[in-house]
Amino acid sequence: MSAPFTHHADAARALIASGADIGRKAGGFCGQIIFDPVLSERQRKWLETLLERSGLPPLQDGGGS
C-alpha cells in the first residue's frame, strides 16, 4: 500500500486524475475541496470513503484539514 496522503487537496487531485468512476457529484466535490483550507468532519468522511472505494491510499490523520 502507498503512503497516506498528507493533505486533502493532494488526495482530491489524485482522485480526479485516477480515472476512477467516482461520478459527477463526487468529482465536483473533489474540485471544490482542493481550494478549501480546512475540511469539515462530514467532508473529510466523504473524501475518505471516496479514497477507499477508488483503491487509493487513505488520508493521513491531520491531513491538512
N, C-alpha and C. Protein backbone atom coordinates (compact mmCIF):
# COMPACT_ATOMS: atom_id res chain seq x y z
N MET A 1 0.84 -1.18 0.00
CA MET A 1 0.00 0.00 0.00
C MET A 1 0.88 1.24 0.00
N SER A 2 0.45 2.25 -0.71
CA SER A 2 1.19 3.51 -0.77
C SER A 2 1.02 4.29 0.53
N ALA A 3 1.88 5.26 0.68
CA ALA A 3 1.82 6.11 1.88
C ALA A 3 0.54 6.93 1.87
N PRO A 4 0.00 7.22 3.04
CA PRO A 4 -1.22 8.03 3.13
C PRO A 4 -0.99 9.44 2.57
N PHE A 5 -2.05 10.04 2.09
CA PHE A 5 -1.97 11.43 1.63
C PHE A 5 -1.81 12.33 2.85
N THR A 6 -0.92 13.30 2.75
CA THR A 6 -0.67 14.19 3.87
C THR A 6 -1.53 15.45 3.83
N HIS A 7 -2.19 15.70 2.70
CA HIS A 7 -3.07 16.87 2.59
C HIS A 7 -4.29 16.50 1.76
N HIS A 8 -5.44 16.99 2.18
CA HIS A 8 -6.68 16.64 1.49
C HIS A 8 -6.69 17.08 0.03
N ALA A 9 -6.03 18.20 -0.29
CA ALA A 9 -6.02 18.66 -1.68
C ALA A 9 -5.27 17.67 -2.58
N ASP A 10 -4.18 17.10 -2.07
CA ASP A 10 -3.45 16.09 -2.84
C ASP A 10 -4.31 14.86 -3.08
N ALA A 11 -5.06 14.47 -2.07
CA ALA A 11 -5.95 13.31 -2.21
C ALA A 11 -7.04 13.59 -3.24
N ALA A 12 -7.59 14.79 -3.22
CA ALA A 12 -8.64 15.15 -4.17
C ALA A 12 -8.10 15.17 -5.59
N ARG A 13 -6.91 15.73 -5.77
CA ARG A 13 -6.29 15.74 -7.11
C ARG A 13 -6.06 14.32 -7.61
N ALA A 14 -5.59 13.46 -6.73
CA ALA A 14 -5.32 12.07 -7.10
C ALA A 14 -6.60 11.35 -7.51
N LEU A 15 -7.69 11.62 -6.79
CA LEU A 15 -8.98 11.02 -7.15
C LEU A 15 -9.42 11.46 -8.54
N ILE A 16 -9.29 12.73 -8.84
CA ILE A 16 -9.69 13.25 -10.14
C ILE A 16 -8.82 12.63 -11.24
N ALA A 17 -7.53 12.55 -10.99
CA ALA A 17 -6.59 12.06 -12.01
C ALA A 17 -6.58 10.53 -12.14
N SER A 18 -7.14 9.84 -11.19
CA SER A 18 -7.05 8.38 -11.17
C SER A 18 -7.86 7.69 -12.26
N GLY A 19 -8.84 8.38 -12.77
CA GLY A 19 -9.71 7.75 -13.76
C GLY A 19 -10.78 6.87 -13.14
N ALA A 20 -10.84 6.84 -11.81
CA ALA A 20 -11.88 6.05 -11.12
C ALA A 20 -13.24 6.64 -11.45
N ASP A 21 -14.22 5.78 -11.55
CA ASP A 21 -15.58 6.20 -11.86
C ASP A 21 -16.26 6.70 -10.58
N ILE A 22 -15.93 7.94 -10.19
CA ILE A 22 -16.46 8.48 -8.94
C ILE A 22 -17.76 9.25 -9.15
N GLY A 23 -18.07 9.57 -10.38
CA GLY A 23 -19.32 10.28 -10.68
C GLY A 23 -19.16 11.79 -10.66
N ARG A 24 -20.13 12.44 -11.22
CA ARG A 24 -20.09 13.89 -11.37
C ARG A 24 -20.13 14.63 -10.03
N LYS A 25 -20.99 14.21 -9.15
CA LYS A 25 -21.12 14.88 -7.85
C LYS A 25 -19.82 14.77 -7.05
N ALA A 26 -19.25 13.58 -7.00
CA ALA A 26 -18.00 13.38 -6.27
C ALA A 26 -16.85 14.12 -6.94
N GLY A 27 -16.85 14.16 -8.28
CA GLY A 27 -15.81 14.90 -9.00
C GLY A 27 -15.87 16.39 -8.70
N GLY A 28 -17.09 16.93 -8.66
CA GLY A 28 -17.26 18.34 -8.30
C GLY A 28 -16.82 18.62 -6.88
N PHE A 29 -17.15 17.71 -5.99
CA PHE A 29 -16.73 17.83 -4.59
C PHE A 29 -15.20 17.89 -4.51
N CYS A 30 -14.54 16.98 -5.21
CA CYS A 30 -13.07 16.95 -5.18
C CYS A 30 -12.48 18.25 -5.72
N GLY A 31 -13.05 18.76 -6.81
CA GLY A 31 -12.57 20.02 -7.36
C GLY A 31 -12.72 21.19 -6.39
N GLN A 32 -13.79 21.19 -5.65
CA GLN A 32 -14.03 22.27 -4.69
C GLN A 32 -13.10 22.20 -3.48
N ILE A 33 -12.88 21.00 -2.95
CA ILE A 33 -12.09 20.93 -1.72
C ILE A 33 -10.60 21.15 -1.95
N ILE A 34 -10.17 21.10 -3.21
CA ILE A 34 -8.77 21.41 -3.49
C ILE A 34 -8.43 22.80 -2.96
N PHE A 35 -9.39 23.70 -3.00
CA PHE A 35 -9.15 25.09 -2.61
C PHE A 35 -9.61 25.41 -1.19
N ASP A 36 -10.19 24.45 -0.49
CA ASP A 36 -10.61 24.67 0.89
C ASP A 36 -9.43 24.46 1.83
N PRO A 37 -9.13 25.45 2.67
CA PRO A 37 -8.00 25.28 3.60
C PRO A 37 -8.27 24.24 4.67
N VAL A 38 -9.53 24.06 5.04
CA VAL A 38 -9.90 23.12 6.11
C VAL A 38 -11.18 22.41 5.68
N LEU A 39 -11.26 21.11 5.98
CA LEU A 39 -12.46 20.34 5.69
C LEU A 39 -13.30 20.18 6.95
N SER A 40 -14.61 20.16 6.75
CA SER A 40 -15.48 19.82 7.86
C SER A 40 -15.35 18.32 8.10
N GLU A 41 -15.86 17.85 9.22
CA GLU A 41 -15.81 16.42 9.52
C GLU A 41 -16.58 15.63 8.46
N ARG A 42 -17.69 16.16 8.03
CA ARG A 42 -18.51 15.48 7.00
C ARG A 42 -17.76 15.39 5.66
N GLN A 43 -17.10 16.49 5.27
CA GLN A 43 -16.32 16.48 4.03
C GLN A 43 -15.18 15.47 4.12
N ARG A 44 -14.51 15.46 5.25
CA ARG A 44 -13.39 14.54 5.44
C ARG A 44 -13.85 13.08 5.35
N LYS A 45 -14.98 12.77 5.96
CA LYS A 45 -15.50 11.40 5.90
C LYS A 45 -15.84 11.00 4.48
N TRP A 46 -16.44 11.91 3.71
CA TRP A 46 -16.78 11.58 2.33
C TRP A 46 -15.52 11.36 1.51
N LEU A 47 -14.52 12.23 1.70
CA LEU A 47 -13.26 12.06 0.99
C LEU A 47 -12.63 10.72 1.33
N GLU A 48 -12.62 10.35 2.58
CA GLU A 48 -12.06 9.06 2.99
C GLU A 48 -12.81 7.90 2.35
N THR A 49 -14.13 8.02 2.25
CA THR A 49 -14.93 6.99 1.60
C THR A 49 -14.59 6.88 0.12
N LEU A 50 -14.46 8.02 -0.55
CA LEU A 50 -14.12 8.02 -1.97
C LEU A 50 -12.74 7.42 -2.21
N LEU A 51 -11.79 7.74 -1.36
CA LEU A 51 -10.44 7.19 -1.50
C LEU A 51 -10.47 5.66 -1.36
N GLU A 52 -11.19 5.19 -0.37
CA GLU A 52 -11.29 3.75 -0.13
C GLU A 52 -11.94 3.04 -1.31
N ARG A 53 -13.05 3.58 -1.79
CA ARG A 53 -13.77 2.97 -2.92
C ARG A 53 -12.92 2.94 -4.19
N SER A 54 -12.03 3.92 -4.33
CA SER A 54 -11.20 4.01 -5.53
C SER A 54 -9.89 3.25 -5.41
N GLY A 55 -9.65 2.66 -4.26
CA GLY A 55 -8.42 1.89 -4.06
C GLY A 55 -7.19 2.75 -3.89
N LEU A 56 -7.38 3.99 -3.47
CA LEU A 56 -6.26 4.90 -3.24
C LEU A 56 -5.88 4.89 -1.76
N PRO A 57 -4.67 5.36 -1.46
CA PRO A 57 -4.25 5.41 -0.06
C PRO A 57 -5.18 6.29 0.77
N PRO A 58 -5.23 6.07 2.06
CA PRO A 58 -6.08 6.88 2.94
C PRO A 58 -5.49 8.26 3.17
N LEU A 59 -6.27 9.10 3.81
CA LEU A 59 -5.81 10.41 4.22
C LEU A 59 -5.16 10.26 5.60
N GLN A 60 -3.96 10.78 5.72
CA GLN A 60 -3.23 10.71 6.99
C GLN A 60 -4.00 11.49 8.04
N ASP A 61 -3.93 11.03 9.28
CA ASP A 61 -4.56 11.78 10.38
C ASP A 61 -4.00 13.18 10.38
N GLY A 62 -4.87 14.15 10.47
CA GLY A 62 -4.46 15.54 10.37
C GLY A 62 -4.63 16.02 8.95
N GLY A 63 -4.08 15.33 7.99
CA GLY A 63 -4.27 15.52 6.57
C GLY A 63 -4.47 16.93 6.06
N GLY A 64 -3.93 17.93 6.75
CA GLY A 64 -4.05 19.29 6.29
C GLY A 64 -5.42 19.90 6.50
N SER A 65 -6.25 19.20 7.25
CA SER A 65 -7.59 19.75 7.49
C SER A 65 -7.93 19.73 8.95
